[in-house]
Amino acid sequence: MKKKPKVMIAGIAGASLGTELFKCLALAKRYEIFGCDISPYAYGHYQKGFKKTFVVSEKNYIDSVLSVCKKNAIDFLIPGGEQPMVLLGKHEHILKENGIQFVGNSADIVSQYSNKKITFLQLNNSGIEIPETLFINKLTKSVKIPFPCIIKPSTNSGGSNFVFLASNLDEAKLYLRYLKINNREAVIQEYIPLDEGEFTVGVLSLPDQTIAYSIALKRVFNSKLSIAQQNNIGLISSGYTQGYIDKFPKICSTAEKIAKKIGSCGPLNIQGRVRNGIFLPFEINPRFSASTYLRALAGVNEIDLFLQYLLTEKLERIGPIKPGYYLRSFDEVVIGKNEVKR
């Protein structure tokens, strides 16, 4: 019997990217799946289907993850969140030296496009149409803010973390001050209404930057799970995507153009809204998305496709997308006091 590749997911907290990656790998049925997390209470420790999971050190994170990977002869390491992606991506060469392949975009792409300021400056310079975007930490009389506007930190804002919808100058000043106190650099963007839809698009590029595929989901906001903030001005989506998957050629074409412009050579997730028929990106993450399992259910298992390409240098054929509404919820698990992972 052919030996199954061993895959480690770094970051397996509940309702996270890591647990969605696990479901994609389990769906493929051709991998031994391992997981690690800094918390003993991470949901993945108690999720059926993992070969084994580990609690790793937060202080010595890289060494700790590397150690469990070496002890278990791991072939592939996939980051299960933004922080593991950035930390592990910086040390990709060390992983490679130890026979472990980091599964993600290049270190340069991860570094650049994990910063919103760099992201939108480069998109604008590349001729990609984007929402009006400002980079300031202090308001002056000469600054004209397009109200209503979105204010978010330039880093670690994935899943709408620390994202705020401001309707007037007083609210903008208050939130900018909050970010400054917390040493966070601010990005201000005009708010694009939901009238023509919000989309999340996965674009998988191969290591030579060839586009393997793209798939788009039009979001629905039928539950609080998908809403981070809502008021009489508008709505900010949360990190829990759900909605309608189908062929959206114009949306996917724009997303693929972005992937090519930035030189993506791995997974890329693009979120945006449509205005006057034009898809305007407001968030780009150089990693797999937490909606990846919804895409796998639709017929495009991007993690499996990417891993198989890395193993064989051949891109497997993708079947037709199954159009439909892809919805999600939470699962629960009960752990006894003496059953907590150590």
Protein backbone atom coordinates (compact mmCIF):
# COMPACT_ATOMS: atom_id res chain seq x y z
CA MET A 1 0.00 0.00 0.00
CA LYS A 2 1.28 3.44 -0.95
CA LYS A 3 2.37 5.47 2.06
CA LYS A 4 0.19 8.50 2.77
CA PRO A 5 1.94 11.89 3.00
CA LYS A 6 2.06 13.28 6.53
CA VAL A 7 0.60 16.77 6.91
CA MET A 8 0.87 19.00 9.99
CA ILE A 9 -1.56 21.89 10.52
CA ALA A 10 -0.07 24.59 12.76
CA GLY A 11 -2.96 26.30 14.53
CA ILE A 12 -6.10 24.23 15.16
CA ALA A 13 -8.30 26.44 17.34
CA GLY A 14 -12.06 26.00 17.00
CA ALA A 15 -13.94 27.65 14.11
CA SER A 16 -10.59 28.63 12.62
CA LEU A 17 -8.76 28.21 9.34
CA GLY A 18 -6.90 25.24 10.81
CA THR A 19 -9.99 23.17 11.52
CA GLU A 20 -11.36 23.96 8.04
CA LEU A 21 -8.08 22.80 6.50
CA PHE A 22 -8.41 19.59 8.48
CA LYS A 23 -11.86 18.95 7.00
CA CYS A 24 -10.49 19.48 3.47
CA LEU A 25 -7.66 17.00 4.06
CA ALA A 26 -10.05 14.50 5.64
CA LEU A 27 -12.38 14.86 2.66
CA ALA A 28 -9.52 13.94 0.30
CA LYS A 29 -8.86 10.70 2.26
CA ARG A 30 -5.21 10.46 1.21
CA TYR A 31 -3.21 12.05 4.03
CA GLU A 32 -2.15 11.32 7.59
CA ILE A 33 -3.23 14.50 9.39
CA PHE A 34 -1.44 15.93 12.41
CA GLY A 35 -2.08 19.19 14.27
CA CYS A 36 -0.44 21.49 16.78
CA ASP A 37 -1.48 24.56 18.75
CA ILE A 38 -0.17 26.69 21.60
CA SER A 39 -3.39 26.11 23.56
CA PRO A 40 -4.38 22.82 25.22
CA TYR A 41 -8.01 23.90 24.72
CA ALA A 42 -7.81 24.23 20.94
CA TYR A 43 -10.81 22.45 19.42
CA GLY A 44 -8.67 20.48 16.98
CA HIS A 45 -7.09 18.47 19.82
CA TYR A 46 -10.48 16.84 20.32
CA GLN A 47 -11.58 16.62 16.68
CA LYS A 48 -11.90 13.05 15.42
CA GLY A 49 -9.69 12.19 12.46
CA PHE A 50 -6.34 13.66 13.48
CA LYS A 51 -3.58 11.04 13.66
CA LYS A 52 -2.11 12.97 16.58
CA THR A 53 -2.02 16.53 17.92
CA PHE A 54 0.48 18.43 20.03
CA VAL A 55 0.60 21.41 22.38
CA VAL A 56 3.56 23.55 21.31
CA SER A 57 5.41 26.34 23.09
CA GLU A 58 4.34 29.92 22.44
CA LYS A 59 7.70 31.35 23.55
CA ASN A 60 9.78 28.96 21.45
CA TYR A 61 7.20 28.50 18.73
CA ILE A 62 9.40 27.80 15.71
CA ASP A 63 11.66 25.35 17.53
CA SER A 64 8.70 23.63 19.14
CA VAL A 65 6.78 23.21 15.86
CA LEU A 66 9.95 22.04 14.10
CA SER A 67 10.59 19.50 16.86
CA VAL A 68 7.18 17.80 16.62
CA CYS A 69 7.42 17.82 12.82
CA LYS A 70 10.83 16.10 12.86
CA LYS A 71 9.75 13.52 15.46
CA ASN A 72 6.77 12.55 13.33
CA ALA A 73 8.51 12.67 9.93
CA ILE A 74 6.11 15.34 8.65
CA ASP A 75 6.21 15.97 4.90
CA PHE A 76 4.08 19.15 4.70
CA LEU A 77 3.43 21.95 7.18
CA ILE A 78 0.38 24.16 6.63
CA PRO A 79 -0.24 27.31 8.73
CA GLY A 80 -3.72 27.31 10.24
CA GLY A 81 -3.94 31.06 10.75
CA GLU A 82 -2.39 34.43 10.00
CA GLN A 83 0.16 34.45 12.83
CA PRO A 84 1.49 30.93 12.13
CA MET A 85 1.64 31.87 8.45
CA VAL A 86 3.83 34.91 9.09
CA LEU A 87 6.05 33.24 11.72
CA LEU A 88 6.58 29.98 9.85
CA GLY A 89 6.86 31.68 6.46
CA LYS A 90 9.87 33.65 7.71
CA HIS A 91 11.60 30.38 8.60
CA GLU A 92 10.68 28.43 5.48
CA HIS A 93 14.37 27.81 4.74
CA ILE A 94 14.87 26.11 8.12
CA LEU A 95 11.88 23.87 7.49
CA LYS A 96 13.24 22.99 4.04
CA GLU A 97 16.64 22.12 5.50
CA ASN A 98 14.86 19.60 7.71
CA GLY A 99 12.92 18.00 4.87
CA ILE A 100 9.63 19.74 5.67
CA GLN A 101 7.79 21.62 2.94
CA PHE A 102 5.98 24.80 3.98
CA VAL A 103 2.63 24.90 2.18
CA GLY A 104 1.74 28.46 1.34
CA ASN A 105 2.73 31.48 -0.66
CA SER A 106 6.32 32.70 -0.87
CA ALA A 107 7.89 34.44 2.12
CA ASP A 108 8.06 37.71 0.14
CA ILE A 109 4.36 37.61 -0.79
CA VAL A 110 3.38 36.70 2.79
CA SER A 111 5.49 39.54 4.19
CA GLN A 112 4.22 42.18 1.76
CA TYR A 113 0.56 41.26 1.58
CA SER A 114 0.07 40.70 5.29
CA ASN A 115 0.40 44.48 5.58
CA LYS A 116 -2.63 46.42 4.31
CA LYS A 117 -0.68 49.62 3.67
CA ILE A 118 1.82 47.86 1.41
CA THR A 119 -0.99 45.82 -0.19
CA PHE A 120 -3.11 48.75 -1.31
CA LEU A 121 -0.21 50.97 -2.31
CA GLN A 122 1.07 48.21 -4.58
CA LEU A 123 -2.39 47.39 -5.98
CA ASN A 124 -2.93 51.04 -6.80
CA ASN A 125 0.49 51.30 -8.44
CA SER A 126 -0.31 48.18 -10.47
CA GLY A 127 -3.41 49.75 -11.97
CA ILE A 128 -5.88 47.68 -9.95
CA GLU A 129 -9.02 49.65 -9.10
CA ILE A 130 -9.46 49.81 -5.31
CA PRO A 131 -11.66 51.70 -2.85
CA GLU A 132 -10.38 55.17 -1.96
CA THR A 133 -7.73 54.44 0.67
CA LEU A 134 -5.83 56.67 3.13
CA PHE A 135 -2.91 55.85 5.42
CA ILE A 136 -2.93 58.19 8.42
CA ASN A 137 -2.81 58.02 12.21
CA LYS A 138 -3.81 61.63 12.88
CA LEU A 139 -6.54 63.74 11.35
CA THR A 140 -5.79 67.28 10.18
CA LYS A 141 -7.93 69.89 8.44
CA SER A 142 -6.30 69.07 5.12
CA VAL A 143 -7.35 65.40 5.28
CA LYS A 144 -10.63 64.63 3.55
CA ILE A 145 -12.15 61.37 4.73
CA PRO A 146 -14.81 59.68 2.56
CA PHE A 147 -17.64 59.05 5.01
CA PRO A 148 -18.89 56.51 5.79
CA CYS A 149 -15.53 54.77 5.97
CA ILE A 150 -13.86 51.62 7.18
CA ILE A 151 -10.99 52.00 9.66
CA LYS A 152 -8.74 49.04 10.33
CA PRO A 153 -5.17 48.30 11.40
CA SER A 154 -2.65 47.68 8.65
CA THR A 155 -1.77 44.25 10.08
CA ASN A 156 -3.66 41.41 11.79
CA SER A 157 -7.11 42.52 10.64
CA GLY A 158 -8.08 39.23 9.01
CA GLY A 159 -11.60 38.06 9.77
CA SER A 160 -12.56 41.72 10.36
CA ASN A 161 -10.48 41.80 13.54
CA PHE A 162 -10.35 45.41 14.88
CA VAL A 163 -12.30 46.68 11.85
CA PHE A 164 -14.67 49.61 12.48
CA LEU A 165 -17.34 51.37 10.39
CA ALA A 166 -17.26 55.14 11.09
CA SER A 167 -20.13 57.37 9.99
CA ASN A 168 -18.72 60.76 11.03
CA LEU A 169 -15.59 62.65 12.06
CA ASP A 170 -16.07 62.15 15.82
CA GLU A 171 -16.27 58.38 15.43
CA ALA A 172 -13.24 58.35 13.13
CA LYS A 173 -11.16 60.40 15.59
CA LEU A 174 -12.15 58.14 18.47
CA TYR A 175 -11.19 54.93 16.69
CA LEU A 176 -7.97 56.31 15.23
CA ARG A 177 -6.97 57.34 18.73
CA TYR A 178 -7.79 53.83 19.98
CA LEU A 179 -5.54 52.27 17.33
CA LYS A 180 -2.75 54.74 18.08
CA ILE A 181 -2.88 53.97 21.82
CA ASN A 182 -2.51 50.30 20.92
CA ASN A 183 0.40 51.04 18.54
CA ARG A 184 -1.55 50.00 15.45
CA GLU A 185 -1.04 51.77 12.13
CA ALA A 186 -4.38 52.72 10.59
CA VAL A 187 -5.84 52.23 7.12
CA ILE A 188 -8.95 54.19 6.11
CA GLN A 189 -11.10 53.08 3.18
CA GLU A 190 -14.32 54.36 1.73
CA TYR A 191 -17.28 52.14 2.56
CA ILE A 192 -18.64 50.31 -0.49
CA PRO A 193 -22.38 49.54 -0.10
CA LEU A 194 -23.65 45.97 -0.36
CA ASP A 195 -26.06 46.80 -3.22
CA GLU A 196 -24.18 44.78 -5.87
CA GLY A 197 -22.82 42.12 -3.55
CA GLU A 198 -19.77 41.11 -1.52
CA PHE A 199 -17.58 38.26 -2.74
CA THR A 200 -14.76 36.16 -1.38
CA VAL A 201 -12.56 34.62 -4.06
CA GLY A 202 -9.92 31.92 -3.78
CA VAL A 203 -7.15 32.03 -6.37
CA LEU A 204 -4.61 29.21 -6.37
CA SER A 205 -1.35 29.93 -8.18
CA LEU A 206 1.33 27.31 -8.72
CA PRO A 207 4.97 27.91 -7.67
CA ASP A 208 5.74 29.16 -11.20
CA GLN A 209 2.88 31.73 -10.81
CA THR A 210 0.59 29.89 -13.26
CA ILE A 211 -3.06 30.25 -12.23
CA ALA A 212 -4.45 26.80 -11.37
CA TYR A 213 -8.01 27.96 -10.76
CA SER A 214 -10.22 30.53 -9.06
CA ILE A 215 -13.59 30.13 -7.37
CA ALA A 216 -15.94 32.81 -6.04
CA LEU A 217 -18.62 32.88 -3.37
CA LYS A 218 -21.25 35.63 -3.13
CA ARG A 219 -21.82 36.21 0.55
CA VAL A 220 -25.16 36.15 2.33
CA PHE A 221 -25.78 37.78 5.70
CA ASN A 222 -28.70 35.80 7.03
CA SER A 223 -27.18 35.22 10.47
CA LYS A 224 -25.06 36.97 13.09
CA LEU A 225 -22.29 34.47 12.39
CA SER A 226 -21.37 36.32 9.19
CA ILE A 227 -21.77 39.87 10.54
CA ALA A 228 -19.03 41.63 12.50
CA GLN A 229 -20.78 45.01 12.75
CA GLN A 230 -24.07 46.42 11.51
CA ASN A 231 -25.80 49.76 11.98
CA ASN A 232 -28.02 52.14 10.04
CA ILE A 233 -25.03 53.08 7.85
CA GLY A 234 -24.01 49.65 6.65
CA LEU A 235 -22.52 46.25 7.44
CA ILE A 236 -19.08 44.76 8.00
CA SER A 237 -18.76 41.06 7.30
CA SER A 238 -17.12 38.70 9.77
CA GLY A 239 -14.54 36.01 9.08
CA TYR A 240 -17.25 33.34 8.81
CA THR A 241 -18.10 33.31 5.12
CA GLN A 242 -21.23 31.64 3.79
CA GLY A 243 -23.21 32.17 0.63
CA TYR A 244 -23.76 31.19 -2.99
CA ILE A 245 -21.03 29.47 -5.01
CA ASP A 246 -21.32 29.43 -8.79
CA LYS A 247 -19.46 30.61 -11.87
CA PHE A 248 -18.76 34.32 -11.52
CA PRO A 249 -16.41 34.84 -14.50
CA LYS A 250 -16.05 38.62 -14.22
CA ILE A 251 -15.31 38.47 -10.48
CA CYS A 252 -12.83 35.62 -10.93
CA SER A 253 -11.14 37.37 -13.85
CA THR A 254 -10.39 40.42 -11.69
CA ALA A 255 -9.14 38.22 -8.84
CA GLU A 256 -6.83 36.31 -11.20
CA LYS A 257 -5.53 39.60 -12.58
CA ILE A 258 -4.63 40.65 -9.02
CA ALA A 259 -2.87 37.33 -8.35
CA LYS A 260 -0.79 37.75 -11.52
CA LYS A 261 0.03 41.41 -10.80
CA ILE A 262 1.40 40.66 -7.33
CA GLY A 263 3.28 37.52 -8.38
CA SER A 264 1.33 35.10 -6.20
CA CYS A 265 2.76 31.57 -6.21
CA GLY A 266 0.40 29.84 -3.81
CA PRO A 267 -2.98 30.36 -2.16
CA LEU A 268 -4.55 33.82 -2.19
CA ASN A 269 -7.90 34.92 -0.80
CA ILE A 270 -9.47 38.15 -2.02
CA GLN A 271 -12.52 39.86 -0.54
CA GLY A 272 -14.30 42.73 -2.18
CA ARG A 273 -17.55 44.40 -3.11
CA VAL A 274 -18.98 45.34 -6.47
CA ARG A 275 -19.78 48.90 -7.51
CA ASN A 276 -21.00 49.77 -11.00
CA GLY A 277 -20.16 46.23 -12.07
CA ILE A 278 -16.51 46.51 -10.95
CA PHE A 279 -15.08 44.20 -8.28
CA LEU A 280 -13.19 46.34 -5.74
CA PRO A 281 -10.91 44.38 -3.35
CA PHE A 282 -10.86 45.55 0.26
CA GLU A 283 -8.96 42.64 1.83
CA ILE A 284 -6.25 40.35 0.48
CA ASN A 285 -4.77 37.46 2.45
CA PRO A 286 -1.86 35.42 1.00
CA ARG A 287 -3.09 32.15 2.49
CA PHE A 288 -5.86 29.62 2.34
CA SER A 289 -9.22 30.96 3.49
CA ALA A 290 -11.49 29.68 6.25
CA SER A 291 -14.11 29.24 3.52
CA THR A 292 -11.87 26.67 1.83
CA TYR A 293 -13.99 23.74 3.04
CA LEU A 294 -17.09 25.29 1.48
CA ARG A 295 -15.16 25.40 -1.80
CA ALA A 296 -14.11 21.79 -1.34
CA LEU A 297 -17.75 20.79 -0.93
CA ALA A 298 -18.47 22.69 -4.16
CA GLY A 299 -15.91 20.53 -5.98
CA VAL A 300 -12.65 22.49 -5.63
CA ASN A 301 -10.49 21.11 -2.82
CA GLU A 302 -7.65 23.62 -3.13
CA ILE A 303 -5.47 22.17 -0.36
CA ASP A 304 -5.60 18.71 -1.92
CA LEU A 305 -4.95 20.15 -5.40
CA PHE A 306 -1.94 22.11 -4.21
CA LEU A 307 -0.43 19.23 -2.24
CA GLN A 308 -0.86 16.81 -5.13
CA TYR A 309 0.85 19.29 -7.45
CA LEU A 310 3.76 19.64 -5.01
CA LEU A 311 4.02 15.84 -4.89
CA THR A 312 3.69 15.09 -8.62
CA GLU A 313 4.18 18.41 -10.45
CA LYS A 314 0.92 17.63 -12.22
CA LEU A 315 -2.31 19.56 -11.78
CA GLU A 316 -5.28 17.28 -11.31
CA ARG A 317 -8.39 17.94 -13.32
CA ILE A 318 -11.11 19.91 -11.52
CA GLY A 319 -14.70 18.75 -11.97
CA PRO A 320 -17.61 21.10 -12.52
CA ILE A 321 -18.53 23.39 -9.63
CA LYS A 322 -21.71 22.40 -7.81
CA PRO A 323 -23.77 25.63 -7.68
CA GLY A 324 -25.65 26.26 -4.47
CA TYR A 325 -25.82 27.96 -1.10
CA TYR A 326 -23.05 26.83 1.22
CA LEU A 327 -23.95 27.53 4.84
CA ARG A 328 -22.16 26.89 8.12
CA SER A 329 -22.56 26.70 11.88
CA PHE A 330 -20.55 25.64 14.94
CA ASP A 331 -19.90 22.20 16.42
CA GLU A 332 -19.63 21.55 20.15
CA VAL A 333 -17.46 19.18 22.12
CA VAL A 334 -17.30 18.35 25.85
CA ILE A 335 -13.91 17.56 27.41
CA GLY A 336 -13.55 16.09 30.88
CA LYS A 337 -11.30 17.85 33.36
CA ASN A 338 -8.72 15.06 33.12
CA GLU A 339 -8.94 14.81 29.34
CA VAL A 340 -7.38 18.20 28.55
CA LYS A 341 -4.45 17.90 26.12
CA ARG A 342 -1.01 18.21 27.73
